[in-house]
PDB file of N, CA and C in Angstrom:
ATOM      1  N   MET A   1      48.671  30.431   5.927  1.00  0.00           N
ATOM      2  CA  MET A   1      47.381  30.757   5.355  1.00  0.00           C
ATOM      3  C   MET A   1      47.026  29.780   4.239  1.00  0.00           C
ATOM      4  N   ASN A   2      48.044  29.235   3.603  1.00  0.00           N
ATOM      5  CA  ASN A   2      47.820  28.296   2.517  1.00  0.00           C
ATOM      6  C   ASN A   2      47.096  27.043   3.000  1.00  0.00           C
ATOM      7  N   ILE A   3      47.386  26.615   4.231  1.00  0.00           N
ATOM      8  CA  ILE A   3      46.721  25.435   4.799  1.00  0.00           C
ATOM      9  C   ILE A   3      45.225  25.683   4.915  1.00  0.00           C
ATOM     10  N   ILE A   4      44.852  26.859   5.418  1.00  0.00           N
ATOM     11  CA  ILE A   4      43.433  27.177   5.596  1.00  0.00           C
ATOM     12  C   ILE A   4      42.729  27.243   4.247  1.00  0.00           C
ATOM     13  N   LEU A   5      43.394  27.800   3.250  1.00  0.00           N
ATOM     14  CA  LEU A   5      42.772  27.922   1.927  1.00  0.00           C
ATOM     15  C   LEU A   5      42.541  26.568   1.269  1.00  0.00           C
ATOM     16  N   HIS A   6      43.367  25.588   1.584  1.00  0.00           N
ATOM     17  CA  HIS A   6      43.222  24.268   0.970  1.00  0.00           C
ATOM     18  C   HIS A   6      42.387  23.305   1.801  1.00  0.00           C
ATOM     19  N   HIS A   7      41.845  23.763   2.897  1.00  0.00           N
ATOM     20  CA  HIS A   7      40.983  22.925   3.735  1.00  0.00           C
ATOM     21  C   HIS A   7      39.620  23.611   3.804  1.00  0.00           C
ATOM     22  N   PRO A   8      38.636  23.150   3.027  1.00  0.00           N
ATOM     23  CA  PRO A   8      37.346  23.855   2.919  1.00  0.00           C
ATOM     24  C   PRO A   8      36.622  24.059   4.247  1.00  0.00           C
ATOM     25  N   ALA A   9      36.683  23.094   5.157  1.00  0.00           N
ATOM     26  CA  ALA A   9      35.977  23.239   6.433  1.00  0.00           C
ATOM     27  C   ALA A   9      36.630  24.322   7.293  1.00  0.00           C
ATOM     28  N   MET A  10      37.959  24.387   7.268  1.00  0.00           N
ATOM     29  CA  MET A  10      38.644  25.436   8.024  1.00  0.00           C
ATOM     30  C   MET A  10      38.323  26.806   7.449  1.00  0.00           C
ATOM     31  N   LEU A  11      38.290  26.899   6.139  1.00  0.00           N
ATOM     32  CA  LEU A  11      37.969  28.167   5.492  1.00  0.00           C
ATOM     33  C   LEU A  11      36.538  28.589   5.799  1.00  0.00           C
ATOM     34  N   ALA A  12      35.617  27.638   5.790  1.00  0.00           N
ATOM     35  CA  ALA A  12      34.221  27.949   6.109  1.00  0.00           C
ATOM     36  C   ALA A  12      34.085  28.431   7.549  1.00  0.00           C
ATOM     37  N   MET A  13      34.769  27.781   8.485  1.00  0.00           N
ATOM     38  CA  MET A  13      34.705  28.218   9.882  1.00  0.00           C
ATOM     39  C   MET A  13      35.318  29.607  10.051  1.00  0.00           C
ATOM     40  N   LEU A  14      36.392  29.884   9.330  1.00  0.00           N
ATOM     41  CA  LEU A  14      36.998  31.212   9.399  1.00  0.00           C
ATOM     42  C   LEU A  14      36.028  32.265   8.879  1.00  0.00           C
ATOM     43  N   TRP A  15      35.322  31.957   7.795  1.00  0.00           N
ATOM     44  CA  TRP A  15      34.326  32.891   7.260  1.00  0.00           C
ATOM     45  C   TRP A  15      33.182  33.106   8.241  1.00  0.00           C
ATOM     46  N   VAL A  16      32.716  32.051   8.878  1.00  0.00           N
ATOM     47  CA  VAL A  16      31.633  32.181   9.868  1.00  0.00           C
ATOM     48  C   VAL A  16      32.082  33.086  11.009  1.00  0.00           C
ATOM     49  N   VAL A  17      33.280  32.847  11.506  1.00  0.00           N
ATOM     50  CA  VAL A  17      33.801  33.663  12.603  1.00  0.00           C
ATOM     51  C   VAL A  17      33.960  35.119  12.153  1.00  0.00           C
ATOM     52  N   LEU A  18      34.489  35.339  10.957  1.00  0.00           N
ATOM     53  CA  LEU A  18      34.666  36.701  10.461  1.00  0.00           C
ATOM     54  C   LEU A  18      33.339  37.433  10.315  1.00  0.00           C
ATOM     55  N   VAL A  19      32.327  36.758   9.789  1.00  0.00           N
ATOM     56  CA  VAL A  19      31.017  37.392   9.608  1.00  0.00           C
ATOM     57  C   VAL A  19      30.393  37.727  10.958  1.00  0.00           C
ATOM     58  N   LEU A  20      30.415  36.784  11.888  1.00  0.00           N
ATOM     59  CA  LEU A  20      29.826  37.040  13.208  1.00  0.00           C
ATOM     60  C   LEU A  20      30.558  38.160  13.946  1.00  0.00           C
ATOM     61  N   ILE A  21      31.863  38.152  13.882  1.00  0.00           N
ATOM     62  CA  ILE A  21      32.625  39.210  14.539  1.00  0.00           C
ATOM     63  C   ILE A  21      32.385  40.546  13.841  1.00  0.00           C
ATOM     64  N   GLY A  22      32.315  40.529  12.524  1.00  0.00           N
ATOM     65  CA  GLY A  22      32.040  41.762  11.789  1.00  0.00           C
ATOM     66  C   GLY A  22      30.694  42.363  12.150  1.00  0.00           C
ATOM     67  N   LEU A  23      29.666  41.523  12.211  1.00  0.00           N
ATOM     68  CA  LEU A  23      28.341  42.014  12.604  1.00  0.00           C
ATOM     69  C   LEU A  23      28.342  42.534  14.036  1.00  0.00           C
ATOM     70  N   THR A  24      29.019  41.824  14.913  1.00  0.00           N
ATOM     71  CA  THR A  24      29.102  42.264  16.303  1.00  0.00           C
ATOM     72  C   THR A  24      29.790  43.621  16.400  1.00  0.00           C
ATOM     73  N   VAL A  25      30.872  43.796  15.663  1.00  0.00           N
ATOM     74  CA  VAL A  25      31.594  45.071  15.689  1.00  0.00           C
ATOM     75  C   VAL A  25      30.715  46.195  15.147  1.00  0.00           C
ATOM     76  N   ILE A  26      29.989  45.937  14.073  1.00  0.00           N
ATOM     77  CA  ILE A  26      29.106  46.961  13.504  1.00  0.00           C
ATOM     78  C   ILE A  26      28.057  47.391  14.520  1.00  0.00           C
ATOM     79  N   PHE A  27      27.404  46.430  15.165  1.00  0.00           N
ATOM     80  CA  PHE A  27      26.370  46.781  16.131  1.00  0.00           C
ATOM     81  C   PHE A  27      26.959  47.438  17.379  1.00  0.00           C
ATOM     82  N   ARG A  28      28.158  47.052  17.759  1.00  0.00           N
ATOM     83  CA  ARG A  28      28.809  47.719  18.896  1.00  0.00           C
ATOM     84  C   ARG A  28      29.099  49.180  18.565  1.00  0.00           C
ATOM     85  N   ILE A  29      29.578  49.429  17.345  1.00  0.00           N
ATOM     86  CA  ILE A  29      29.868  50.807  16.944  1.00  0.00           C
ATOM     87  C   ILE A  29      28.583  51.619  16.864  1.00  0.00           C
ATOM     88  N   VAL A  30      27.515  51.035  16.331  1.00  0.00           N
ATOM     89  CA  VAL A  30      26.228  51.734  16.279  1.00  0.00           C
ATOM     90  C   VAL A  30      25.762  52.066  17.692  1.00  0.00           C
ATOM     91  N   ASN A  31      25.874  51.119  18.607  1.00  0.00           N
ATOM     92  CA  ASN A  31      25.503  51.387  20.002  1.00  0.00           C
ATOM     93  C   ASN A  31      26.399  52.463  20.611  1.00  0.00           C
ATOM     94  N   GLU A  32      27.666  52.451  20.236  1.00  0.00           N
ATOM     95  CA  GLU A  32      28.591  53.465  20.747  1.00  0.00           C
ATOM     96  C   GLU A  32      28.232  54.844  20.198  1.00  0.00           C
ATOM     97  N   LEU A  33      27.781  54.914  18.959  1.00  0.00           N
ATOM     98  CA  LEU A  33      27.406  56.197  18.367  1.00  0.00           C
ATOM     99  C   LEU A  33      26.142  56.769  18.994  1.00  0.00           C
ATOM    100  N   ARG A  34      25.314  55.919  19.575  1.00  0.00           N
ATOM    101  CA  ARG A  34      24.103  56.394  20.249  1.00  0.00           C
ATOM    102  C   ARG A  34      24.443  57.174  21.505  1.00  0.00           C
ATOM    103  N   GLY A  35      25.527  56.846  22.124  1.00  0.00           N
ATOM    104  CA  GLY A  35      25.948  57.524  23.356  1.00  0.00           C
ATOM    105  C   GLY A  35      27.015  58.557  23.047  1.00  0.00           C
ATOM    106  N   LYS A  36      27.896  58.746  23.998  1.00  0.00           N
ATOM    107  CA  LYS A  36      29.001  59.682  23.823  1.00  0.00           C
ATOM    108  C   LYS A  36      30.046  59.045  22.917  1.00  0.00           C
ATOM    109  N   PHE A  37      30.400  59.730  21.844  1.00  0.00           N
ATOM    110  CA  PHE A  37      31.339  59.198  20.865  1.00  0.00           C
ATOM    111  C   PHE A  37      32.768  59.334  21.379  1.00  0.00           C
ATOM    112  N   ASP A  38      33.478  58.222  21.394  1.00  0.00           N
ATOM    113  CA  ASP A  38      34.874  58.202  21.822  1.00  0.00           C
ATOM    114  C   ASP A  38      35.677  57.456  20.763  1.00  0.00           C
ATOM    115  N   LEU A  39      36.533  58.186  20.058  1.00  0.00           N
ATOM    116  CA  LEU A  39      37.295  57.598  18.960  1.00  0.00           C
ATOM    117  C   LEU A  39      38.227  56.486  19.440  1.00  0.00           C
ATOM    118  N   GLU A  40      38.772  56.619  20.632  1.00  0.00           N
ATOM    119  CA  GLU A  40      39.661  55.584  21.172  1.00  0.00           C
ATOM    120  C   GLU A  40      38.907  54.276  21.400  1.00  0.00           C
ATOM    121  N   LYS A  41      37.672  54.391  21.895  1.00  0.00           N
ATOM    122  CA  LYS A  41      36.876  53.185  22.126  1.00  0.00           C
ATOM    123  C   LYS A  41      36.495  52.519  20.803  1.00  0.00           C
ATOM    124  N   VAL A  42      36.188  53.324  19.789  1.00  0.00           N
ATOM    125  CA  VAL A  42      35.863  52.772  18.473  1.00  0.00           C
ATOM    126  C   VAL A  42      37.078  52.057  17.892  1.00  0.00           C
ATOM    127  N   ALA A  43      38.261  52.641  18.046  1.00  0.00           N
ATOM    128  CA  ALA A  43      39.482  51.988  17.562  1.00  0.00           C
ATOM    129  C   ALA A  43      39.710  50.663  18.276  1.00  0.00           C
ATOM    130  N   THR A  44      39.445  50.630  19.565  1.00  0.00           N
ATOM    131  CA  THR A  44      39.574  49.384  20.322  1.00  0.00           C
ATOM    132  C   THR A  44      38.551  48.361  19.853  1.00  0.00           C
ATOM    133  N   LEU A  45      37.327  48.816  19.589  1.00  0.00           N
ATOM    134  CA  LEU A  45      36.286  47.900  19.114  1.00  0.00           C
ATOM    135  C   LEU A  45      36.643  47.296  17.760  1.00  0.00           C
ATOM    136  N   LEU A  46      37.378  48.036  16.946  1.00  0.00           N
ATOM    137  CA  LEU A  46      37.758  47.536  15.625  1.00  0.00           C
ATOM    138  C   LEU A  46      38.964  46.600  15.663  1.00  0.00           C
ATOM    139  N   THR A  47      39.922  46.872  16.534  1.00  0.00           N
ATOM    140  CA  THR A  47      41.164  46.099  16.509  1.00  0.00           C
ATOM    141  C   THR A  47      41.179  44.899  17.444  1.00  0.00           C
ATOM    142  N   ARG A  48      40.486  44.972  18.566  1.00  0.00           N
ATOM    143  CA  ARG A  48      40.535  43.888  19.548  1.00  0.00           C
ATOM    144  C   ARG A  48      40.057  42.545  18.988  1.00  0.00           C
ATOM    145  N   PRO A  49      38.930  42.485  18.262  1.00  0.00           N
ATOM    146  CA  PRO A  49      38.504  41.177  17.740  1.00  0.00           C
ATOM    147  C   PRO A  49      39.511  40.545  16.775  1.00  0.00           C
ATOM    148  N   ILE A  50      40.197  41.374  16.000  1.00  0.00           N
ATOM    149  CA  ILE A  50      41.190  40.828  15.074  1.00  0.00           C
ATOM    150  C   ILE A  50      42.358  40.229  15.852  1.00  0.00           C
ATOM    151  N   LEU A  51      42.828  40.959  16.858  1.00  0.00           N
ATOM    152  CA  LEU A  51      43.988  40.485  17.625  1.00  0.00           C
ATOM    153  C   LEU A  51      43.659  39.318  18.540  1.00  0.00           C
ATOM    154  N   MET A  52      42.477  39.314  19.122  1.00  0.00           N
ATOM    155  CA  MET A  52      42.140  38.303  20.122  1.00  0.00           C
ATOM    156  C   MET A  52      41.401  37.088  19.559  1.00  0.00           C
ATOM    157  N   ASP A  53      40.774  37.221  18.416  1.00  0.00           N
ATOM    158  CA  ASP A  53      39.968  36.118  17.885  1.00  0.00           C
ATOM    159  C   ASP A  53      40.495  35.575  16.554  1.00  0.00           C
ATOM    160  N   ILE A  54      40.732  36.444  15.594  1.00  0.00           N
ATOM    161  CA  ILE A  54      41.134  35.993  14.262  1.00  0.00           C
ATOM    162  C   ILE A  54      42.608  35.580  14.232  1.00  0.00           C
ATOM    163  N   PHE A  55      43.466  36.380  14.829  1.00  0.00           N
ATOM    164  CA  PHE A  55      44.900  36.085  14.811  1.00  0.00           C
ATOM    165  C   PHE A  55      45.234  34.710  15.399  1.00  0.00           C
ATOM    166  N   PRO A  56      44.643  34.311  16.550  1.00  0.00           N
ATOM    167  CA  PRO A  56      44.926  32.959  17.056  1.00  0.00           C
ATOM    168  C   PRO A  56      44.478  31.845  16.100  1.00  0.00           C
ATOM    169  N   LEU A  57      43.375  32.058  15.402  1.00  0.00           N
ATOM    170  CA  LEU A  57      42.955  31.041  14.427  1.00  0.00           C
ATOM    171  C   LEU A  57      43.967  30.928  13.292  1.00  0.00           C
ATOM    172  N   LEU A  58      44.486  32.063  12.849  1.00  0.00           N
ATOM    173  CA  LEU A  58      45.505  32.029  11.801  1.00  0.00           C
ATOM    174  C   LEU A  58      46.787  31.363  12.300  1.00  0.00           C
ATOM    175  N   LEU A  59      47.138  31.614  13.560  1.00  0.00           N
ATOM    176  CA  LEU A  59      48.318  30.947  14.135  1.00  0.00           C
ATOM    177  C   LEU A  59      48.124  29.438  14.217  1.00  0.00           C
ATOM    178  N   LEU A  60      46.925  29.013  14.594  1.00  0.00           N
ATOM    179  CA  LEU A  60      46.656  27.571  14.624  1.00  0.00           C
ATOM    180  C   LEU A  60      46.762  26.972  13.223  1.00  0.00           C
ATOM    181  N   GLY A  61      46.306  27.719  12.231  1.00  0.00           N
ATOM    182  CA  GLY A  61      46.457  27.254  10.854  1.00  0.00           C
ATOM    183  C   GLY A  61      47.919  27.105  10.469  1.00  0.00           C
ATOM    184  N   LEU A  62      48.752  28.039  10.900  1.00  0.00           N
ATOM    185  CA  LEU A  62      50.185  27.944  10.618  1.00  0.00           C
ATOM    186  C   LEU A  62      50.847  26.801  11.377  1.00  0.00           C
ATOM    187  N   LEU A  63      50.355  26.511  12.574  1.00  0.00           N
ATOM    188  CA  LEU A  63      50.929  25.417  13.366  1.00  0.00           C
ATOM    189  C   LEU A  63      50.670  24.047  12.740  1.00  0.00           C
ATOM    190  N   MET A  64      49.733  23.983  11.816  1.00  0.00           N
ATOM    191  CA  MET A  64      49.485  22.698  11.151  1.00  0.00           C
ATOM    192  C   MET A  64      50.704  22.236  10.370  1.00  0.00           C
ATOM    193  N   LEU A  65      51.563  23.177  10.009  1.00  0.00           N
ATOM    194  CA  LEU A  65      52.797  22.802   9.317  1.00  0.00           C
ATOM    195  C   LEU A  65      53.732  22.007  10.225  1.00  0.00           C
ATOM    196  N   ALA A  66      53.636  22.224  11.535  1.00  0.00           N
ATOM    197  CA  ALA A  66      54.503  21.525  12.486  1.00  0.00           C
ATOM    198  C   ALA A  66      53.969  20.150  12.860  1.00  0.00           C
ATOM    199  N   ASP A  67      52.678  19.929  12.677  1.00  0.00           N
ATOM    200  CA  ASP A  67      52.053  18.655  13.034  1.00  0.00           C
ATOM    201  C   ASP A  67      51.861  17.833  11.760  1.00  0.00           C
ATOM    202  N   PRO A  68      52.622  16.765  11.581  1.00  0.00           N
ATOM    203  CA  PRO A  68      52.530  16.011  10.328  1.00  0.00           C
ATOM    204  C   PRO A  68      51.165  15.358  10.100  1.00  0.00           C
ATOM    205  N   THR A  69      50.458  15.014  11.165  1.00  0.00           N
ATOM    206  CA  THR A  69      49.149  14.382  10.973  1.00  0.00           C
ATOM    207  C   THR A  69      48.030  15.408  10.845  1.00  0.00           C
ATOM    208  N   HIS A  70      48.259  16.610  11.300  1.00  0.00           N
ATOM    209  CA  HIS A  70      47.285  17.713  11.275  1.00  0.00           C
ATOM    210  C   HIS A  70      46.079  17.475  12.174  1.00  0.00           C
ATOM    211  N   VAL A  71      46.002  16.360  12.855  1.00  0.00           N
ATOM    212  CA  VAL A  71      44.797  16.020  13.611  1.00  0.00           C
ATOM    213  C   VAL A  71      44.660  16.876  14.865  1.00  0.00           C
ATOM    214  N   VAL A  72      45.713  16.971  15.647  1.00  0.00           N
ATOM    215  CA  VAL A  72      45.632  17.692  16.919  1.00  0.00           C
ATOM    216  C   VAL A  72      45.329  19.171  16.685  1.00  0.00           C
ATOM    217  N   ILE A  73      46.061  19.782  15.785  1.00  0.00           N
ATOM    218  CA  ILE A  73      45.857  21.205  15.510  1.00  0.00           C
ATOM    219  C   ILE A  73      44.496  21.431  14.870  1.00  0.00           C
ATOM    220  N   LEU A  74      44.061  20.521  14.024  1.00  0.00           N
ATOM    221  CA  LEU A  74      42.749  20.645  13.387  1.00  0.00           C
ATOM    222  C   LEU A  74      41.633  20.615  14.427  1.00  0.00           C
ATOM    223  N   ILE A  75      41.756  19.728  15.404  1.00  0.00           N
ATOM    224  CA  ILE A  75      40.755  19.665  16.477  1.00  0.00           C
ATOM    225  C   ILE A  75      40.746  20.971  17.260  1.00  0.00           C
ATOM    226  N   TRP A  76      41.929  21.462  17.630  1.00  0.00           N
ATOM    227  CA  TRP A  76      41.994  22.718  18.385  1.00  0.00           C
ATOM    228  C   TRP A  76      41.470  23.889  17.567  1.00  0.00           C
ATOM    229  N   TYR A  77      41.737  23.880  16.270  1.00  0.00           N
ATOM    230  CA  TYR A  77      41.244  24.954  15.402  1.00  0.00           C
ATOM    231  C   TYR A  77      39.718  25.001  15.433  1.00  0.00           C
ATOM    232  N   PHE A  78      39.076  23.836  15.269  1.00  0.00           N
ATOM    233  CA  PHE A  78      37.615  23.819  15.246  1.00  0.00           C
ATOM    234  C   PHE A  78      37.016  24.116  16.616  1.00  0.00           C
ATOM    235  N   VAL A  79      37.638  23.628  17.677  1.00  0.00           N
ATOM    236  CA  VAL A  79      37.152  23.946  19.026  1.00  0.00           C
ATOM    237  C   VAL A  79      37.246  25.453  19.266  1.00  0.00           C
ATOM    238  N   ALA A  80      38.373  26.041  18.911  1.00  0.00           N
ATOM    239  CA  ALA A  80      38.545  27.484  19.100  1.00  0.00           C
ATOM    240  C   ALA A  80      37.578  28.277  18.225  1.00  0.00           C
ATOM    241  N   ALA A  81      37.420  27.865  16.972  1.00  0.00           N
ATOM    242  CA  ALA A  81      36.524  28.583  16.065  1.00  0.00           C
ATOM    243  C   ALA A  81      35.076  28.511  16.538  1.00  0.00           C
ATOM    244  N   ILE A  82      34.651  27.354  17.012  1.00  0.00           N
ATOM    245  CA  ILE A  82      33.276  27.217  17.513  1.00  0.00           C
ATOM    246  C   ILE A  82      33.088  28.056  18.772  1.00  0.00           C
ATOM    247  N   ALA A  83      34.067  28.047  19.663  1.00  0.00           N
ATOM    248  CA  ALA A  83      33.963  28.854  20.888  1.00  0.00           C
ATOM    249  C   ALA A  83      33.910  30.345  20.560  1.00  0.00           C
ATOM    250  N   ILE A  84      34.732  30.787  19.630  1.00  0.00           N
ATOM    251  CA  ILE A  84      34.726  32.197  19.235  1.00  0.00           C
ATOM    252  C   ILE A  84      33.405  32.554  18.565  1.00  0.00           C
ATOM    253  N   ALA A  85      32.904  31.668  17.703  1.00  0.00           N
ATOM    254  CA  ALA A  85      31.629  31.931  17.025  1.00  0.00           C
ATOM    255  C   ALA A  85      30.474  32.003  18.017  1.00  0.00           C
ATOM    256  N   LEU A  86      30.457  31.109  18.987  1.00  0.00           N
ATOM    257  CA  LEU A  86      29.389  31.145  19.994  1.00  0.00           C
ATOM    258  C   LEU A  86      29.464  32.414  20.837  1.00  0.00           C
ATOM    259  N   ARG A  87      30.671  32.785  21.236  1.00  0.00           N
ATOM    260  CA  ARG A  87      30.827  34.018  22.011  1.00  0.00           C
ATOM    261  C   ARG A  87      30.399  35.237  21.196  1.00  0.00           C
ATOM    262  N   ALA A  88      30.759  35.265  19.915  1.00  0.00           N
ATOM    263  CA  ALA A  88      30.366  36.384  19.059  1.00  0.00           C
ATOM    264  C   ALA A  88      28.854  36.407  18.850  1.00  0.00           C
ATOM    265  N   LEU A  89      28.239  35.231  18.736  1.00  0.00           N
ATOM    266  CA  LEU A  89      26.785  35.167  18.570  1.00  0.00           C
ATOM    267  C   LEU A  89      26.061  35.670  19.813  1.00  0.00           C
ATOM    268  N   VAL A  90      26.531  35.277  20.980  1.00  0.00           N
ATOM    269  CA  VAL A  90      25.932  35.757  22.232  1.00  0.00           C
ATOM    270  C   VAL A  90      26.101  37.272  22.346  1.00  0.00           C
ATOM    271  N   GLU A  91      27.274  37.763  22.006  1.00  0.00           N
ATOM    272  CA  GLU A  91      27.523  39.206  22.050  1.00  0.00           C
ATOM    273  C   GLU A  91      26.662  39.944  21.024  1.00  0.00           C
ATOM    274  N   LEU A  92      26.471  39.346  19.855  1.00  0.00           N
ATOM    275  CA  LEU A  92      25.624  39.954  18.826  1.00  0.00           C
ATOM    276  C   LEU A  92      24.184  40.074  19.305  1.00  0.00           C
ATOM    277  N   VAL A  93      23.666  39.033  19.923  1.00  0.00           N
ATOM    278  CA  VAL A  93      22.299  39.073  20.464  1.00  0.00           C
ATOM    279  C   VAL A  93      22.197  40.139  21.548  1.00  0.00           C
ATOM    280  N   ARG A  94      23.208  40.239  22.393  1.00  0.00           N
ATOM    281  CA  ARG A  94      23.205  41.250  23.453  1.00  0.00           C
ATOM    282  C   ARG A  94      23.233  42.662  22.868  1.00  0.00           C
ATOM    283  N   GLN A  95      24.030  42.861  21.829  1.00  0.00           N
ATOM    284  CA  GLN A  95      24.103  44.176  21.194  1.00  0.00           C
ATOM    285  C   GLN A  95      22.793  44.526  20.493  1.00  0.00           C
ATOM    286  N   LEU A  96      22.160  43.534  19.862  1.00  0.00           N
ATOM    287  CA  LEU A  96      20.865  43.778  19.212  1.00  0.00           C
ATOM    288  C   LEU A  96      19.799  44.146  20.232  1.00  0.00           C
ATOM    289  N   ARG A  97      19.777  43.451  21.355  1.00  0.00           N
ATOM    290  CA  ARG A  97      18.812  43.787  22.411  1.00  0.00           C
ATOM    291  C   ARG A  97      19.052  45.193  22.937  1.00  0.00           C
ATOM    292  N   GLN A  98      20.310  45.551  23.100  1.00  0.00           N
ATOM    293  CA  GLN A  98      20.638  46.885  23.588  1.00  0.00           C
ATOM    294  C   GLN A  98      20.245  47.944  22.555  1.00  0.00           C
ATOM    295  N   LEU A  99      20.429  47.634  21.285  1.00  0.00           N
ATOM    296  CA  LEU A  99      20.083  48.579  20.228  1.00  0.00           C
ATOM    297  C   LEU A  99      18.576  48.777  20.132  1.00  0.00           C
ATOM    298  N   LEU A 100      17.818  47.707  20.310  1.00  0.00           N
ATOM    299  CA  LEU A 100      16.364  47.779  20.177  1.00  0.00           C
ATOM    300  C   LEU A 100      15.671  48.313  21.423  1.00  0.00           C
ATOM    301  N   SER A 101      16.370  48.373  22.531  1.00  0.00           N
ATOM    302  CA  SER A 101      15.719  48.863  23.760  1.00  0.00           C
ATOM    303  C   SER A 101      15.870  50.362  23.914  1.00  0.00           C
TER     304      SER A 101
END
């Protein structure tokens, strides 16, 4: 985690991903509350993004310790972060459309 904190661009991308995923989760839960409430589904909606999206980014940050040049892992970190952010943005738009309809 120390690597991410000392690299401003990595930290900014992590914040962007966290905000987009957070907004997506909020709108998913709101949409879930409109229908039949299922506590198990809400728990899945809260934990899945952390395990599937944030945790791999943190692992890539830790892998920078193994790469002395940091270039390869840095490229993969940004590619993964951009892909996750785009997927979260598309999902956010879909959830907003569903909420407004």
